[in-house]
Amino acid sequence: MNISVKGKSVHFDDRYLSVELEDGRMILTPMSWYKELQNATFKQLSNYQFICQNTGIEWTELDYHLSIESMLLSQIEKKAA
């Protein structure tokens, strides 16, 4: 996928991780896809920052990085399976 998706904000609950993109779209994926984030506290999940010109998300305390593009690709792969 050769597009540039840039995040604006991150939201989550016990079931979903969602990212609002700068262009107004929302990406919603199940938290179960991110084992490293499932056991994190609300405070730890809230402590994120955008990296790589807003194309990725980093949770420094959890030592976890997530590409926003990978969230889109995961959705496409799951639908194709």
N, C-alpha and C. Protein backbone atom coordinates (compact mmCIF):
# COMPACT_ATOMS: atom_id res chain seq x y z
N MET A 1 0.87 -1.16 0.00
CA MET A 1 0.00 0.00 0.00
C MET A 1 0.91 1.22 0.00
N ASN A 2 0.74 2.07 -0.98
CA ASN A 2 1.62 3.22 -1.11
C ASN A 2 0.85 4.50 -0.86
N ILE A 3 0.36 4.65 0.35
CA ILE A 3 -0.36 5.86 0.74
C ILE A 3 0.23 6.35 2.05
N SER A 4 -0.02 7.60 2.33
CA SER A 4 0.46 8.15 3.59
C SER A 4 -0.74 8.46 4.47
N VAL A 5 -0.92 7.66 5.51
CA VAL A 5 -2.01 7.89 6.45
C VAL A 5 -1.41 8.47 7.72
N LYS A 6 -1.94 9.59 8.14
CA LYS A 6 -1.39 10.28 9.30
C LYS A 6 -2.44 10.37 10.39
N GLY A 7 -2.03 10.02 11.60
CA GLY A 7 -2.93 10.02 12.73
C GLY A 7 -3.12 11.39 13.34
N LYS A 8 -4.30 11.57 13.91
CA LYS A 8 -4.64 12.81 14.60
C LYS A 8 -4.86 12.54 16.09
N SER A 9 -5.54 11.43 16.40
CA SER A 9 -5.77 11.06 17.80
C SER A 9 -6.01 9.57 17.90
N VAL A 10 -5.80 9.06 19.12
CA VAL A 10 -5.98 7.63 19.40
C VAL A 10 -7.03 7.49 20.49
N HIS A 11 -7.91 6.52 20.31
CA HIS A 11 -8.96 6.24 21.30
C HIS A 11 -8.99 4.73 21.51
N PHE A 12 -9.43 4.31 22.65
CA PHE A 12 -9.48 2.88 22.93
C PHE A 12 -10.46 2.60 24.05
N ASP A 13 -10.92 1.38 24.06
CA ASP A 13 -11.69 0.86 25.19
C ASP A 13 -11.27 -0.59 25.36
N ASP A 14 -12.00 -1.36 26.12
CA ASP A 14 -11.58 -2.74 26.36
C ASP A 14 -11.71 -3.63 25.13
N ARG A 15 -12.40 -3.17 24.09
CA ARG A 15 -12.59 -3.98 22.88
C ARG A 15 -11.87 -3.46 21.64
N TYR A 16 -11.75 -2.14 21.50
CA TYR A 16 -11.25 -1.58 20.25
C TYR A 16 -10.17 -0.52 20.43
N LEU A 17 -9.28 -0.48 19.45
CA LEU A 17 -8.31 0.59 19.30
C LEU A 17 -8.72 1.35 18.05
N SER A 18 -8.93 2.64 18.17
CA SER A 18 -9.30 3.42 16.99
C SER A 18 -8.36 4.61 16.85
N VAL A 19 -8.09 4.94 15.61
CA VAL A 19 -7.23 6.07 15.29
C VAL A 19 -8.01 7.00 14.36
N GLU A 20 -8.11 8.24 14.75
CA GLU A 20 -8.69 9.25 13.88
C GLU A 20 -7.56 9.78 13.00
N LEU A 21 -7.79 9.78 11.69
CA LEU A 21 -6.79 10.25 10.75
C LEU A 21 -6.95 11.74 10.50
N GLU A 22 -5.88 12.36 10.03
CA GLU A 22 -5.92 13.80 9.73
C GLU A 22 -6.97 14.14 8.69
N ASP A 23 -7.30 13.18 7.79
CA ASP A 23 -8.29 13.45 6.74
C ASP A 23 -9.73 13.18 7.20
N GLY A 24 -9.90 12.85 8.48
CA GLY A 24 -11.23 12.67 9.04
C GLY A 24 -11.71 11.23 9.13
N ARG A 25 -11.02 10.30 8.48
CA ARG A 25 -11.41 8.89 8.57
C ARG A 25 -11.05 8.33 9.94
N MET A 26 -11.73 7.23 10.29
CA MET A 26 -11.43 6.50 11.53
C MET A 26 -11.07 5.07 11.17
N ILE A 27 -10.03 4.56 11.83
CA ILE A 27 -9.66 3.16 11.70
C ILE A 27 -10.01 2.52 13.04
N LEU A 28 -10.75 1.44 13.00
CA LEU A 28 -11.18 0.74 14.21
C LEU A 28 -10.73 -0.71 14.09
N THR A 29 -9.92 -1.17 15.04
CA THR A 29 -9.45 -2.55 15.04
C THR A 29 -9.61 -3.13 16.45
N PRO A 30 -9.80 -4.45 16.53
CA PRO A 30 -9.96 -5.08 17.85
C PRO A 30 -8.68 -5.01 18.68
N MET A 31 -8.81 -4.73 19.95
CA MET A 31 -7.65 -4.72 20.85
C MET A 31 -6.99 -6.09 20.89
N SER A 32 -7.76 -7.15 20.62
CA SER A 32 -7.20 -8.50 20.65
C SER A 32 -6.10 -8.70 19.60
N TRP A 33 -6.01 -7.83 18.62
CA TRP A 33 -4.94 -7.90 17.63
C TRP A 33 -3.61 -7.45 18.20
N TYR A 34 -3.62 -6.76 19.34
CA TYR A 34 -2.41 -6.16 19.90
C TYR A 34 -2.17 -6.71 21.31
N LYS A 35 -1.60 -7.90 21.36
CA LYS A 35 -1.37 -8.57 22.64
C LYS A 35 -0.59 -7.70 23.61
N GLU A 36 0.36 -6.93 23.08
CA GLU A 36 1.20 -6.09 23.92
C GLU A 36 0.41 -4.98 24.60
N LEU A 37 -0.71 -4.59 24.01
CA LEU A 37 -1.52 -3.51 24.58
C LEU A 37 -2.65 -4.02 25.47
N GLN A 38 -3.01 -5.28 25.35
CA GLN A 38 -4.16 -5.81 26.08
C GLN A 38 -4.03 -5.74 27.59
N ASN A 39 -2.84 -5.94 28.11
CA ASN A 39 -2.66 -5.93 29.56
C ASN A 39 -2.21 -4.59 30.10
N ALA A 40 -2.14 -3.59 29.23
CA ALA A 40 -1.72 -2.26 29.67
C ALA A 40 -2.85 -1.57 30.44
N THR A 41 -2.46 -0.68 31.33
CA THR A 41 -3.45 0.10 32.07
C THR A 41 -3.96 1.24 31.19
N PHE A 42 -5.06 1.83 31.60
CA PHE A 42 -5.61 2.98 30.90
C PHE A 42 -4.57 4.10 30.83
N LYS A 43 -3.88 4.30 31.93
CA LYS A 43 -2.85 5.35 31.98
C LYS A 43 -1.72 5.06 30.98
N GLN A 44 -1.28 3.81 30.90
CA GLN A 44 -0.23 3.45 29.95
C GLN A 44 -0.70 3.64 28.51
N LEU A 45 -1.92 3.23 28.21
CA LEU A 45 -2.45 3.38 26.86
C LEU A 45 -2.63 4.85 26.48
N SER A 46 -2.96 5.67 27.46
CA SER A 46 -3.15 7.10 27.21
C SER A 46 -1.84 7.82 26.95
N ASN A 47 -0.75 7.20 27.34
CA ASN A 47 0.56 7.82 27.20
C ASN A 47 1.21 7.40 25.88
N TYR A 48 0.63 7.85 24.77
CA TYR A 48 1.15 7.53 23.44
C TYR A 48 1.66 8.81 22.79
N GLN A 49 2.42 8.64 21.74
CA GLN A 49 2.80 9.77 20.92
C GLN A 49 2.89 9.31 19.47
N PHE A 50 2.63 10.24 18.58
CA PHE A 50 2.78 9.92 17.16
C PHE A 50 4.25 10.04 16.79
N ILE A 51 4.69 9.16 15.92
CA ILE A 51 6.08 9.14 15.47
C ILE A 51 6.09 9.07 13.94
N CYS A 52 7.26 9.25 13.35
CA CYS A 52 7.43 9.11 11.90
C CYS A 52 6.46 10.00 11.13
N GLN A 53 6.45 11.27 11.46
CA GLN A 53 5.57 12.24 10.81
C GLN A 53 4.10 11.85 10.90
N ASN A 54 3.73 11.37 12.08
CA ASN A 54 2.35 10.98 12.41
C ASN A 54 1.84 9.75 11.67
N THR A 55 2.75 8.93 11.13
CA THR A 55 2.33 7.70 10.46
C THR A 55 2.43 6.48 11.37
N GLY A 56 2.90 6.68 12.59
CA GLY A 56 3.03 5.60 13.55
C GLY A 56 2.69 6.08 14.95
N ILE A 57 2.47 5.13 15.84
CA ILE A 57 2.13 5.42 17.23
C ILE A 57 3.15 4.70 18.10
N GLU A 58 3.60 5.37 19.14
CA GLU A 58 4.56 4.77 20.06
C GLU A 58 4.04 4.88 21.49
N TRP A 59 4.13 3.77 22.19
CA TRP A 59 3.87 3.73 23.63
C TRP A 59 5.22 3.45 24.27
N THR A 60 5.91 4.50 24.66
CA THR A 60 7.29 4.38 25.15
C THR A 60 7.38 3.47 26.36
N GLU A 61 6.50 3.65 27.32
CA GLU A 61 6.53 2.85 28.54
C GLU A 61 6.33 1.36 28.25
N LEU A 62 5.57 1.05 27.22
CA LEU A 62 5.30 -0.34 26.86
C LEU A 62 6.30 -0.88 25.84
N ASP A 63 7.17 0.00 25.34
CA ASP A 63 8.13 -0.35 24.29
C ASP A 63 7.41 -0.99 23.11
N TYR A 64 6.35 -0.31 22.64
CA TYR A 64 5.53 -0.82 21.55
C TYR A 64 5.32 0.27 20.51
N HIS A 65 5.47 -0.12 19.25
CA HIS A 65 5.28 0.79 18.12
C HIS A 65 4.27 0.17 17.17
N LEU A 66 3.43 1.01 16.59
CA LEU A 66 2.40 0.53 15.68
C LEU A 66 2.33 1.45 14.47
N SER A 67 2.43 0.87 13.31
CA SER A 67 2.28 1.61 12.05
C SER A 67 0.78 1.75 11.76
N ILE A 68 0.35 2.96 11.48
CA ILE A 68 -1.07 3.17 11.16
C ILE A 68 -1.41 2.45 9.86
N GLU A 69 -0.49 2.46 8.91
CA GLU A 69 -0.71 1.74 7.65
C GLU A 69 -0.93 0.25 7.90
N SER A 70 -0.21 -0.31 8.89
CA SER A 70 -0.39 -1.74 9.19
C SER A 70 -1.79 -2.03 9.72
N MET A 71 -2.40 -1.06 10.39
CA MET A 71 -3.77 -1.24 10.85
C MET A 71 -4.70 -1.39 9.65
N LEU A 72 -4.48 -0.59 8.60
CA LEU A 72 -5.29 -0.69 7.39
C LEU A 72 -5.04 -2.00 6.67
N LEU A 73 -3.78 -2.38 6.56
CA LEU A 73 -3.44 -3.63 5.89
C LEU A 73 -4.01 -4.83 6.62
N SER A 74 -4.00 -4.79 7.94
CA SER A 74 -4.56 -5.88 8.74
C SER A 74 -6.04 -6.04 8.46
N GLN A 75 -6.75 -4.91 8.32
CA GLN A 75 -8.18 -4.97 8.02
C GLN A 75 -8.42 -5.63 6.67
N ILE A 76 -7.60 -5.29 5.67
CA ILE A 76 -7.75 -5.85 4.34
C ILE A 76 -7.45 -7.35 4.36
N GLU A 77 -6.37 -7.73 5.05
CA GLU A 77 -5.99 -9.15 5.13
C GLU A 77 -7.05 -9.97 5.84
N LYS A 78 -7.62 -9.44 6.92
CA LYS A 78 -8.64 -10.17 7.67
C LYS A 78 -9.89 -10.39 6.81
N LYS A 79 -10.25 -9.38 6.00
CA LYS A 79 -11.44 -9.50 5.14
C LYS A 79 -11.21 -10.51 4.02
N ALA A 80 -9.97 -10.59 3.53
CA ALA A 80 -9.66 -11.49 2.42
C ALA A 80 -9.58 -12.96 2.86
N ALA A 81 -9.34 -13.17 4.15
CA ALA A 81 -9.17 -14.55 4.66
C ALA A 81 -10.47 -15.31 4.72
